N, C-alpha and C. Protein backbone atom coordinates (compact mmCIF):
# COMPACT_ATOMS: atom_id res chain seq x y z
N MET A 1 -13.84 -4.16 1.24
CA MET A 1 -12.64 -3.24 0.26
C MET A 1 -11.31 -3.64 1.29
N PRO A 2 -10.75 -3.95 0.55
CA PRO A 2 -8.82 -3.48 0.69
C PRO A 2 -8.60 -2.33 0.65
N HIS A 3 -8.20 -1.48 1.76
CA HIS A 3 -7.58 -0.44 1.19
C HIS A 3 -5.73 -0.15 1.53
N LEU A 4 -4.88 0.49 0.53
CA LEU A 4 -3.94 0.19 0.93
C LEU A 4 -3.15 1.51 0.46
N ILE A 5 -2.77 1.72 1.36
CA ILE A 5 -2.60 3.35 1.73
C ILE A 5 -0.63 2.94 2.41
N VAL A 6 -0.15 4.24 0.83
CA VAL A 6 1.17 4.22 1.07
C VAL A 6 1.76 4.70 1.18
N GLU A 7 2.70 5.11 2.28
CA GLU A 7 3.86 6.57 2.70
C GLU A 7 5.04 5.95 3.13
N THR A 8 5.73 7.04 1.98
CA THR A 8 6.89 7.16 2.01
C THR A 8 7.48 8.75 1.94
N THR A 9 8.82 8.10 1.72
CA THR A 9 9.87 9.33 1.98
C THR A 9 9.92 9.78 0.46
N ARG A 10 10.02 10.96 0.25
CA ARG A 10 10.19 12.18 -1.03
C ARG A 10 11.48 11.61 -1.68
N GLN A 11 12.44 11.24 -1.09
CA GLN A 11 12.97 10.30 -2.48
C GLN A 11 12.65 9.62 -3.02
N LEU A 12 11.55 8.75 -2.23
CA LEU A 12 11.29 7.42 -3.61
C LEU A 12 10.17 8.22 -4.62
N ALA A 13 9.02 9.04 -3.71
CA ALA A 13 8.10 9.15 -4.08
C ALA A 13 8.35 9.42 -5.51
N GLY A 14 9.08 10.25 -6.51
CA GLY A 14 9.55 10.63 -7.94
C GLY A 14 10.18 9.09 -8.89
N ARG A 15 10.59 8.56 -7.67
CA ARG A 15 11.24 7.23 -8.76
C ARG A 15 10.53 6.26 -8.81
N ILE A 16 9.07 5.98 -8.15
CA ILE A 16 8.41 4.54 -8.52
C ILE A 16 7.61 4.99 -8.43
N ASP A 17 6.54 4.26 -10.04
CA ASP A 17 5.20 4.57 -10.87
C ASP A 17 4.26 4.28 -9.98
N PHE A 18 3.64 4.32 -9.14
CA PHE A 18 2.70 4.19 -7.98
C PHE A 18 1.73 3.48 -8.67
N PRO A 19 0.98 4.75 -9.61
CA PRO A 19 -0.18 3.99 -10.38
C PRO A 19 0.22 2.48 -10.93
N GLY A 20 1.26 2.42 -11.99
CA GLY A 20 1.94 0.90 -12.21
C GLY A 20 1.51 -0.02 -11.10
N VAL A 21 2.24 0.22 -10.34
CA VAL A 21 2.51 -0.89 -9.54
C VAL A 21 1.13 -1.06 -8.72
N PHE A 22 0.25 -0.17 -8.32
CA PHE A 22 -1.15 -0.50 -7.65
C PHE A 22 -2.05 -1.36 -8.64
N ALA A 23 -1.66 -0.55 -10.01
CA ALA A 23 -2.70 -1.77 -11.22
C ALA A 23 -2.38 -3.68 -11.08
N GLY A 24 -0.68 -3.28 -10.84
CA GLY A 24 -0.16 -4.58 -11.17
C GLY A 24 -1.39 -4.95 -9.66
N LEU A 25 -0.37 -4.97 -8.74
CA LEU A 25 -1.04 -5.78 -7.57
C LEU A 25 -2.83 -5.44 -7.58
N HIS A 26 -3.52 -4.66 -7.90
CA HIS A 26 -5.13 -5.11 -7.76
C HIS A 26 -4.99 -6.30 -8.74
N ARG A 27 -4.60 -6.07 -10.04
CA ARG A 27 -5.11 -7.20 -10.81
C ARG A 27 -4.53 -8.36 -10.64
N GLU A 28 -3.46 -8.42 -9.64
CA GLU A 28 -2.71 -10.12 -9.12
C GLU A 28 -2.81 -10.51 -7.60
N MET A 29 -4.10 -9.23 -6.74
CA MET A 29 -4.73 -9.92 -6.24
C MET A 29 -6.27 -10.07 -6.21
N ALA A 30 -6.76 -9.95 -7.16
CA ALA A 30 -7.74 -10.06 -7.85
C ALA A 30 -7.88 -11.45 -8.24
N ALA A 31 -6.59 -11.94 -9.03
CA ALA A 31 -6.90 -12.86 -9.23
C ALA A 31 -6.49 -14.17 -8.72
N LEU A 32 -6.50 -13.57 -7.43
CA LEU A 32 -6.36 -14.98 -6.56
C LEU A 32 -7.30 -14.90 -5.59
N GLY A 33 -7.97 -13.97 -5.93
CA GLY A 33 -9.82 -13.98 -4.95
C GLY A 33 -9.49 -13.44 -3.72
N TYR A 34 -8.88 -12.59 -3.90
CA TYR A 34 -8.75 -11.86 -2.56
C TYR A 34 -9.78 -10.83 -2.25
N ALA A 35 -10.15 -10.39 -3.28
CA ALA A 35 -11.32 -9.24 -3.36
C ALA A 35 -11.29 -9.07 -5.07
N ARG A 36 -12.97 -8.43 -5.29
CA ARG A 36 -12.89 -8.22 -7.13
C ARG A 36 -12.30 -7.08 -7.26
N LEU A 37 -11.69 -7.14 -8.10
CA LEU A 37 -10.55 -5.78 -8.98
C LEU A 37 -10.99 -5.00 -8.48
N GLU A 38 -12.53 -4.28 -8.38
CA GLU A 38 -13.21 -3.21 -9.10
C GLU A 38 -12.92 -2.72 -6.91
N ASP A 39 -13.04 -3.47 -5.96
CA ASP A 39 -13.31 -3.17 -4.29
C ASP A 39 -11.79 -2.78 -3.85
N PHE A 40 -10.80 -2.84 -4.73
CA PHE A 40 -9.12 -2.58 -4.16
C PHE A 40 -9.25 -1.25 -4.17
N LYS A 41 -8.79 -0.31 -2.95
CA LYS A 41 -8.58 1.24 -3.15
C LYS A 41 -7.02 1.47 -2.77
N SER A 42 -6.24 2.56 -3.77
CA SER A 42 -4.70 2.11 -3.21
C SER A 42 -5.05 4.13 -3.30
N ARG A 43 -3.33 4.01 -2.80
CA ARG A 43 -3.40 5.74 -2.69
C ARG A 43 -1.60 6.31 -1.81
N VAL A 44 -1.18 7.05 -2.37
CA VAL A 44 0.33 7.17 -2.04
C VAL A 44 0.14 8.54 -1.07
N LEU A 45 0.70 8.62 0.27
CA LEU A 45 0.73 9.71 0.99
C LEU A 45 2.40 9.77 1.01
N VAL A 46 3.19 11.01 0.58
CA VAL A 46 4.34 11.91 0.46
C VAL A 46 4.91 12.23 2.05
N ALA A 47 5.50 12.07 2.42
CA ALA A 47 5.82 12.54 4.07
C ALA A 47 6.86 13.69 3.70
N GLU A 48 6.33 14.96 4.15
CA GLU A 48 6.53 16.17 3.85
C GLU A 48 8.60 16.41 4.63
N ALA A 49 8.27 15.85 5.51
CA ALA A 49 9.90 15.80 6.56
C ALA A 49 9.52 14.41 7.43
N ALA A 50 10.64 13.84 7.17
CA ALA A 50 10.85 12.24 7.26
C ALA A 50 11.93 12.03 8.14
N LEU A 51 12.19 11.05 9.20
CA LEU A 51 13.57 10.83 10.18
C LEU A 51 13.72 9.21 9.96
N VAL A 52 14.42 8.59 10.23
CA VAL A 52 14.63 7.07 10.08
C VAL A 52 15.66 7.04 11.36
N GLY A 53 15.44 6.78 12.56
CA GLY A 53 15.97 7.02 13.63
C GLY A 53 16.75 8.53 13.78
N GLY A 54 18.09 8.44 13.79
CA GLY A 54 18.91 9.37 13.62
C GLY A 54 19.83 9.79 12.04
N ASP A 55 19.35 9.09 11.05
CA ASP A 55 20.08 8.82 9.87
C ASP A 55 18.82 9.67 8.64
N ALA A 56 19.07 10.50 8.68
CA ALA A 56 18.38 11.81 7.80
C ALA A 56 18.71 11.03 5.96
N ALA A 57 19.23 10.01 5.40
CA ALA A 57 19.28 9.34 4.24
C ALA A 57 18.89 8.05 4.51
N THR A 58 18.32 7.83 5.37
CA THR A 58 17.67 6.50 5.44
C THR A 58 15.60 6.77 4.87
N GLY A 59 15.40 6.66 3.97
CA GLY A 59 14.48 6.26 3.29
C GLY A 59 13.39 5.33 4.16
N PHE A 60 12.36 5.67 3.64
CA PHE A 60 11.12 4.57 4.34
C PHE A 60 9.89 4.58 3.23
N LEU A 61 9.10 3.57 3.08
CA LEU A 61 7.86 3.11 2.54
C LEU A 61 6.91 2.25 3.08
N VAL A 62 5.43 2.36 3.97
CA VAL A 62 5.31 1.70 4.93
C VAL A 62 3.59 1.87 3.94
N ALA A 63 3.62 0.35 4.26
CA ALA A 63 1.95 0.57 3.30
C ALA A 63 0.98 -0.48 4.07
N HIS A 64 0.01 0.29 4.62
CA HIS A 64 -1.38 -0.22 5.53
C HIS A 64 -2.62 -0.72 4.84
N LEU A 65 -2.32 -1.58 4.58
CA LEU A 65 -3.88 -2.76 4.44
C LEU A 65 -4.51 -2.95 5.28
N VAL A 66 -5.22 -2.23 5.07
CA VAL A 66 -6.62 -2.03 5.61
C VAL A 66 -7.80 -2.56 5.39
N MET A 67 -8.35 -3.58 6.18
CA MET A 67 -9.39 -4.64 5.46
C MET A 67 -11.00 -4.16 6.29
N THR A 68 -11.92 -3.52 5.12
CA THR A 68 -12.81 -3.14 5.95
C THR A 68 -14.17 -4.37 5.82
N ASN A 69 -14.05 -5.72 4.86
CA ASN A 69 -14.46 -6.20 5.07
C ASN A 69 -13.75 -8.44 5.38
N ALA A 70 -14.58 -8.52 6.30
CA ALA A 70 -13.84 -9.47 7.35
C ALA A 70 -12.69 -10.73 6.37
N ARG A 71 -11.92 -10.78 6.47
CA ARG A 71 -10.81 -12.15 5.91
C ARG A 71 -10.10 -12.92 6.98
N PRO A 72 -10.23 -14.28 6.69
CA PRO A 72 -9.13 -14.81 7.11
C PRO A 72 -8.25 -14.49 7.54
N GLU A 73 -7.01 -14.31 8.63
CA GLU A 73 -5.81 -13.86 9.08
C GLU A 73 -5.18 -14.61 8.18
N ALA A 74 -5.40 -15.76 7.35
CA ALA A 74 -4.05 -15.75 6.74
C ALA A 74 -4.01 -16.03 5.52
N MET A 75 -5.35 -15.19 5.50
CA MET A 75 -5.97 -14.13 3.63
C MET A 75 -4.80 -13.15 3.92
N GLN A 76 -5.02 -12.14 5.33
CA GLN A 76 -4.77 -11.28 5.16
C GLN A 76 -3.13 -11.08 5.55
N ALA A 77 -2.95 -12.20 6.05
CA ALA A 77 -0.79 -12.29 5.87
C ALA A 77 -0.42 -12.57 4.82
N ALA A 78 -1.34 -13.23 3.59
CA ALA A 78 -0.73 -13.94 2.23
C ALA A 78 -0.93 -12.24 1.58
N MET A 79 -1.88 -11.80 2.11
CA MET A 79 -1.60 -10.10 1.01
C MET A 79 -0.82 -9.73 1.40
N ALA A 80 -0.91 -9.12 2.57
CA ALA A 80 0.74 -8.17 3.22
C ALA A 80 1.96 -9.09 2.49
N ASP A 81 1.94 -10.30 2.63
CA ASP A 81 3.28 -11.01 2.06
C ASP A 81 3.93 -10.18 0.26
N LEU A 82 2.38 -10.42 -0.30
CA LEU A 82 2.69 -10.48 -1.52
C LEU A 82 2.91 -9.21 -1.83
N ILE A 83 1.99 -8.00 -1.29
CA ILE A 83 2.68 -6.18 -1.31
C ILE A 83 4.10 -6.08 -0.39
N LEU A 84 4.20 -6.72 0.33
CA LEU A 84 5.96 -6.52 0.84
C LEU A 84 6.92 -7.04 -0.37
N ALA A 85 6.46 -8.29 -1.24
CA ALA A 85 7.45 -8.81 -2.01
C ALA A 85 7.65 -6.95 -3.30
N ARG A 86 6.21 -7.32 -3.74
CA ARG A 86 5.81 -6.17 -4.87
C ARG A 86 6.63 -5.14 -4.65
N LEU A 87 6.28 -4.10 -3.55
CA LEU A 87 6.81 -2.91 -2.91
C LEU A 87 8.29 -3.17 -2.84
N ALA A 88 8.37 -3.87 -2.59
CA ALA A 88 10.39 -4.02 -2.06
C ALA A 88 11.25 -3.68 -3.02
N ALA A 89 10.50 -5.02 -4.47
CA ALA A 89 11.43 -5.05 -5.59
C ALA A 89 11.02 -3.71 -6.37
N CYS A 90 10.03 -2.48 -6.24
CA CYS A 90 9.52 -1.65 -6.80
C CYS A 90 11.22 -0.37 -5.89
N VAL A 91 11.68 -0.97 -4.73
CA VAL A 91 12.01 0.30 -4.38
C VAL A 91 13.68 0.00 -4.98
N GLU A 92 13.77 -1.60 -4.54
CA GLU A 92 14.88 -1.76 -5.38
C GLU A 92 15.60 -1.90 -6.34
N LYS A 93 14.18 -1.51 -7.47
CA LYS A 93 14.68 -1.11 -9.31
C LYS A 93 14.76 0.53 -8.79
N ALA A 94 13.82 1.05 -8.00
CA ALA A 94 14.83 2.53 -8.16
C ALA A 94 15.75 2.77 -7.52
N ALA A 95 16.74 2.87 -7.11
CA ALA A 95 17.79 2.15 -6.83
C ALA A 95 18.22 3.33 -5.93
N PRO A 96 17.33 4.14 -4.53
CA PRO A 96 17.68 4.88 -4.16
C PRO A 96 18.97 4.80 -3.82
N ALA A 97 18.88 6.31 -3.22
CA ALA A 97 20.53 6.88 -2.36
C ALA A 97 20.47 6.31 -0.75
N GLY A 98 20.71 5.34 -0.26
CA GLY A 98 20.92 5.11 0.90
C GLY A 98 20.28 4.20 1.46
N GLU A 99 19.36 3.48 2.60
CA GLU A 99 19.14 2.44 3.09
C GLU A 99 17.43 2.73 2.73
N VAL A 100 16.43 1.78 2.53
CA VAL A 100 15.23 2.13 2.48
C VAL A 100 14.22 1.20 3.14
N GLN A 101 13.95 1.67 4.38
CA GLN A 101 12.70 0.10 5.09
C GLN A 101 11.40 0.05 4.57
N VAL A 102 11.31 -1.11 4.07
CA VAL A 102 9.47 -0.93 3.63
C VAL A 102 9.24 -2.21 4.82
N CYS A 103 7.79 -2.00 4.86
CA CYS A 103 6.98 -2.44 5.46
C CYS A 103 5.43 -2.15 5.43
N VAL A 104 4.76 -3.68 5.70
CA VAL A 104 3.35 -3.67 5.61
C VAL A 104 2.65 -4.18 7.17
N LEU A 105 2.12 -3.10 6.88
CA LEU A 105 1.26 -3.20 8.17
C LEU A 105 -0.79 -3.66 8.05
N HIS A 106 -1.08 -4.95 8.31
CA HIS A 106 -2.13 -5.23 8.29
C HIS A 106 -3.29 -5.61 9.24
N ARG A 107 -4.28 -4.56 8.85
CA ARG A 107 -5.32 -4.94 9.68
C ARG A 107 -6.94 -5.03 9.48
N GLN A 108 -7.72 -5.43 10.51
CA GLN A 108 -8.98 -5.20 10.43
C GLN A 108 -9.76 -4.31 10.35
N ALA A 109 -10.07 -3.07 9.83
CA ALA A 109 -11.59 -2.30 10.45
C ALA A 109 -12.06 -3.41 11.56
N ALA A 110 -12.35 -2.49 12.48
CA ALA A 110 -13.85 -3.10 13.38
C ALA A 110 -15.38 -2.82 12.99
N PRO A 111 -15.67 -4.19 12.97
CA PRO A 111 -16.68 -4.22 12.38
C PRO A 111 -17.53 -2.87 12.76
N GLY A 112 -18.33 -2.33 12.19
CA GLY A 112 -19.59 -1.07 11.87
C GLY A 112 -18.50 0.18 12.26
N SER A 113 -17.09 -0.10 12.02
CA SER A 113 -16.58 0.75 11.86
C SER A 113 -15.92 1.54 10.59
N TYR A 114 -17.11 1.08 9.44
CA TYR A 114 -16.41 1.49 7.72
C TYR A 114 -18.10 2.14 7.97
N ARG A 115 -18.11 3.40 6.92
CA ARG A 115 -19.56 3.80 6.04
C ARG A 115 -18.71 4.35 4.56
N LYS A 116 -19.58 4.14 4.03
CA LYS A 116 -19.35 4.79 2.59
C LYS A 116 -20.60 5.04 1.88
N THR A 117 -20.31 5.81 0.84
CA THR A 117 -21.63 6.63 0.74
C THR A 117 -20.66 7.00 -1.02
N VAL A 118 -21.22 6.74 -1.99
CA VAL A 118 -20.43 6.93 -3.17
C VAL A 118 -21.77 8.58 -4.12
N VAL A 119 -21.11 9.63 -4.25
CA VAL A 119 -21.87 10.87 -4.22
C VAL A 119 -21.08 10.91 -6.05
N ALA A 120 -22.10 10.72 -6.93
CA ALA A 120 -22.37 11.37 -8.60
C ALA A 120 -22.31 12.87 -9.12
N GLY A 121 -20.54 12.89 -9.66
CA GLY A 121 -20.58 14.22 -9.95
C GLY A 121 -21.47 14.52 -10.69
N SER A 122 -21.41 16.00 -11.63
CA SER A 122 -22.08 16.23 -12.91
C SER A 122 -21.25 16.19 -13.87
N ARG A 123 -22.46 15.42 -15.11
CA ARG A 123 -21.58 14.77 -16.41
C ARG A 123 -21.74 16.17 -17.35
């Protein structure tokens, strides 16, 4: 299951439609055969405090792409490139004040390091 965990500064949190961005990314990556649509998991974590170098006006958006099932390195790199392009376009469209650093860190979870269960809520 690919997990996309986005960390961003407060200045961007309210300017980007992350649920819409994630929905588009999930559909696009599923259509490319990277994983089944229902296997993608994405979320945003907003930094309460952040500083890039010594410039308080510079923002950032860091996406962590974590694979829980093994995929070829070339596929992980292609997924990261696609995510980077889509997120950079969203940041540009949001037109924030100041510079924003956008990056994707992609990695494979170590074999045996992932556990999962599903808990059904009451209906």
